[in-house]
Amino acid sequence: MTVVYQPAVPAITSPTAEICTGGTVTLTTNGSPAIQWYKNNVLISGATATTYVVTQGADYTVITKN
């Protein structure tokens, strides 16, 4: 028998919210073990945890590698 590991497709979850001046929104992903967050398609240095705290409106992406 061959067992093939199929990792879950990473997804970003967050509350629906607007970010006001001085406010934050926490984004969460189910991806692992290697995670990298991007803002407007630019790598965010050091953003490698399952959560990322957003302080500015933008397009956020997460990429995971097994």
N, C-alpha and C. Protein backbone atom coordinates (compact mmCIF):
# COMPACT_ATOMS: atom_id res chain seq x y z
N MET A 1 0.84 -1.16 0.00
CA MET A 1 0.00 0.00 0.00
C MET A 1 0.90 1.23 0.00
N THR A 2 0.51 2.23 -0.77
CA THR A 2 1.22 3.51 -0.81
C THR A 2 0.32 4.58 -0.21
N VAL A 3 0.89 5.33 0.72
CA VAL A 3 0.15 6.43 1.33
C VAL A 3 0.73 7.73 0.80
N VAL A 4 -0.13 8.56 0.25
CA VAL A 4 0.30 9.84 -0.29
C VAL A 4 -0.29 10.94 0.58
N TYR A 5 0.57 11.78 1.10
CA TYR A 5 0.14 12.89 1.94
C TYR A 5 -0.37 14.02 1.07
N GLN A 6 -1.60 14.43 1.28
CA GLN A 6 -2.19 15.55 0.58
C GLN A 6 -2.41 16.69 1.57
N PRO A 7 -1.53 17.68 1.59
CA PRO A 7 -1.71 18.78 2.53
C PRO A 7 -2.96 19.59 2.21
N ALA A 8 -3.51 20.19 3.23
CA ALA A 8 -4.67 21.05 3.03
C ALA A 8 -4.28 22.25 2.18
N VAL A 9 -5.18 22.69 1.35
CA VAL A 9 -4.95 23.90 0.56
C VAL A 9 -4.94 25.07 1.53
N PRO A 10 -3.89 25.88 1.52
CA PRO A 10 -3.85 27.00 2.46
C PRO A 10 -4.96 28.00 2.19
N ALA A 11 -5.49 28.53 3.25
CA ALA A 11 -6.53 29.55 3.15
C ALA A 11 -6.24 30.64 4.16
N ILE A 12 -6.65 31.83 3.86
CA ILE A 12 -6.51 32.95 4.79
C ILE A 12 -7.89 33.25 5.35
N THR A 13 -7.94 33.33 6.67
CA THR A 13 -9.19 33.70 7.31
C THR A 13 -8.96 34.95 8.15
N SER A 14 -9.96 35.78 8.20
CA SER A 14 -9.89 36.99 9.01
C SER A 14 -11.30 37.50 9.19
N PRO A 15 -11.52 38.30 10.20
CA PRO A 15 -12.82 38.94 10.31
C PRO A 15 -12.99 39.96 9.19
N THR A 16 -14.20 40.17 8.75
CA THR A 16 -14.45 41.22 7.77
C THR A 16 -14.38 42.54 8.52
N ALA A 17 -13.42 43.35 8.15
CA ALA A 17 -13.22 44.59 8.90
C ALA A 17 -12.50 45.61 8.04
N GLU A 18 -12.71 46.83 8.38
CA GLU A 18 -11.93 47.92 7.82
C GLU A 18 -10.85 48.27 8.83
N ILE A 19 -9.71 48.67 8.32
CA ILE A 19 -8.63 49.06 9.21
C ILE A 19 -8.65 50.57 9.35
N CYS A 20 -8.90 51.03 10.55
CA CYS A 20 -8.89 52.46 10.83
C CYS A 20 -7.49 52.86 11.29
N THR A 21 -7.18 54.12 11.24
CA THR A 21 -5.89 54.61 11.69
C THR A 21 -5.59 54.08 13.08
N GLY A 22 -4.45 53.43 13.21
CA GLY A 22 -4.04 52.87 14.49
C GLY A 22 -4.65 51.50 14.78
N GLY A 23 -5.51 51.00 13.90
CA GLY A 23 -6.15 49.71 14.11
C GLY A 23 -5.38 48.57 13.49
N THR A 24 -5.80 47.34 13.79
CA THR A 24 -5.17 46.15 13.24
C THR A 24 -6.23 45.10 12.92
N VAL A 25 -5.87 44.18 12.04
CA VAL A 25 -6.65 42.98 11.74
C VAL A 25 -5.66 41.83 11.70
N THR A 26 -6.02 40.72 12.33
CA THR A 26 -5.14 39.55 12.33
C THR A 26 -5.61 38.56 11.27
N LEU A 27 -4.71 38.25 10.33
CA LEU A 27 -4.96 37.24 9.31
C LEU A 27 -4.43 35.91 9.82
N THR A 28 -5.12 34.82 9.52
CA THR A 28 -4.70 33.49 9.96
C THR A 28 -4.75 32.54 8.77
N THR A 29 -3.77 31.63 8.71
CA THR A 29 -3.76 30.60 7.67
C THR A 29 -3.69 29.22 8.30
N ASN A 30 -4.21 28.25 7.58
CA ASN A 30 -4.14 26.86 8.03
C ASN A 30 -2.95 26.15 7.42
N GLY A 31 -2.15 26.84 6.63
CA GLY A 31 -1.02 26.22 5.97
C GLY A 31 0.14 25.95 6.91
N SER A 32 0.95 24.97 6.55
CA SER A 32 2.16 24.67 7.31
C SER A 32 2.97 23.65 6.54
N PRO A 33 4.20 23.36 6.84
CA PRO A 33 5.00 23.91 7.92
C PRO A 33 5.76 25.17 7.53
N ALA A 34 6.04 25.36 6.22
CA ALA A 34 6.79 26.55 5.81
C ALA A 34 5.82 27.58 5.26
N ILE A 35 5.75 28.73 5.90
CA ILE A 35 4.77 29.77 5.56
C ILE A 35 5.50 31.07 5.22
N GLN A 36 5.00 31.78 4.21
CA GLN A 36 5.52 33.10 3.89
C GLN A 36 4.37 33.99 3.47
N TRP A 37 4.25 35.15 4.12
CA TRP A 37 3.23 36.14 3.79
C TRP A 37 3.78 37.16 2.81
N TYR A 38 2.88 37.67 1.94
CA TYR A 38 3.23 38.69 0.94
C TYR A 38 2.20 39.82 1.03
N LYS A 39 2.65 41.03 0.79
CA LYS A 39 1.77 42.21 0.71
C LYS A 39 1.93 42.80 -0.68
N ASN A 40 0.83 42.87 -1.42
CA ASN A 40 0.87 43.35 -2.80
C ASN A 40 1.93 42.63 -3.62
N ASN A 41 2.01 41.30 -3.44
CA ASN A 41 2.94 40.42 -4.15
C ASN A 41 4.40 40.65 -3.81
N VAL A 42 4.68 41.33 -2.70
CA VAL A 42 6.05 41.55 -2.25
C VAL A 42 6.24 40.81 -0.92
N LEU A 43 7.30 40.00 -0.84
CA LEU A 43 7.59 39.24 0.37
C LEU A 43 7.68 40.16 1.58
N ILE A 44 7.05 39.74 2.68
CA ILE A 44 7.14 40.49 3.93
C ILE A 44 8.22 39.80 4.76
N SER A 45 9.34 40.44 4.92
CA SER A 45 10.47 39.86 5.63
C SER A 45 10.09 39.45 7.05
N GLY A 46 10.39 38.20 7.40
CA GLY A 46 10.14 37.70 8.74
C GLY A 46 8.71 37.26 9.00
N ALA A 47 7.81 37.41 8.02
CA ALA A 47 6.40 37.04 8.21
C ALA A 47 6.21 35.58 7.83
N THR A 48 6.52 34.69 8.78
CA THR A 48 6.51 33.25 8.52
C THR A 48 5.67 32.45 9.52
N ALA A 49 4.82 33.13 10.26
CA ALA A 49 3.96 32.46 11.25
C ALA A 49 2.58 32.20 10.65
N THR A 50 1.77 31.42 11.35
CA THR A 50 0.41 31.13 10.87
C THR A 50 -0.51 32.33 11.00
N THR A 51 -0.09 33.35 11.75
CA THR A 51 -0.88 34.58 11.84
C THR A 51 -0.02 35.76 11.42
N TYR A 52 -0.68 36.79 10.91
CA TYR A 52 0.01 38.02 10.54
C TYR A 52 -0.91 39.18 10.89
N VAL A 53 -0.39 40.17 11.61
CA VAL A 53 -1.17 41.32 12.03
C VAL A 53 -1.03 42.43 10.98
N VAL A 54 -2.15 42.82 10.40
CA VAL A 54 -2.20 43.81 9.33
C VAL A 54 -2.50 45.17 9.92
N THR A 55 -1.74 46.17 9.48
CA THR A 55 -1.96 47.54 9.93
C THR A 55 -2.32 48.48 8.78
N GLN A 56 -2.28 47.94 7.54
CA GLN A 56 -2.58 48.75 6.35
C GLN A 56 -3.44 47.93 5.39
N GLY A 57 -4.31 48.62 4.69
CA GLY A 57 -5.08 47.95 3.64
C GLY A 57 -4.17 47.59 2.48
N ALA A 58 -4.31 46.39 1.94
CA ALA A 58 -3.51 45.92 0.81
C ALA A 58 -4.04 44.55 0.41
N ASP A 59 -3.44 43.95 -0.62
CA ASP A 59 -3.72 42.58 -1.01
C ASP A 59 -2.69 41.69 -0.32
N TYR A 60 -3.16 40.75 0.53
CA TYR A 60 -2.26 39.85 1.25
C TYR A 60 -2.40 38.45 0.72
N THR A 61 -1.25 37.78 0.58
CA THR A 61 -1.18 36.41 0.08
C THR A 61 -0.31 35.60 1.02
N VAL A 62 -0.62 34.32 1.16
CA VAL A 62 0.24 33.42 1.91
C VAL A 62 0.59 32.24 1.03
N ILE A 63 1.86 31.83 1.07
CA ILE A 63 2.33 30.67 0.34
C ILE A 63 2.92 29.70 1.35
N THR A 64 2.57 28.42 1.18
CA THR A 64 3.10 27.40 2.09
C THR A 64 3.85 26.35 1.28
N LYS A 65 4.85 25.75 1.91
CA LYS A 65 5.63 24.68 1.30
C LYS A 65 5.75 23.55 2.29
N ASN A 66 5.67 22.33 1.78
CA ASN A 66 5.86 21.15 2.64
C ASN A 66 7.27 20.65 2.55
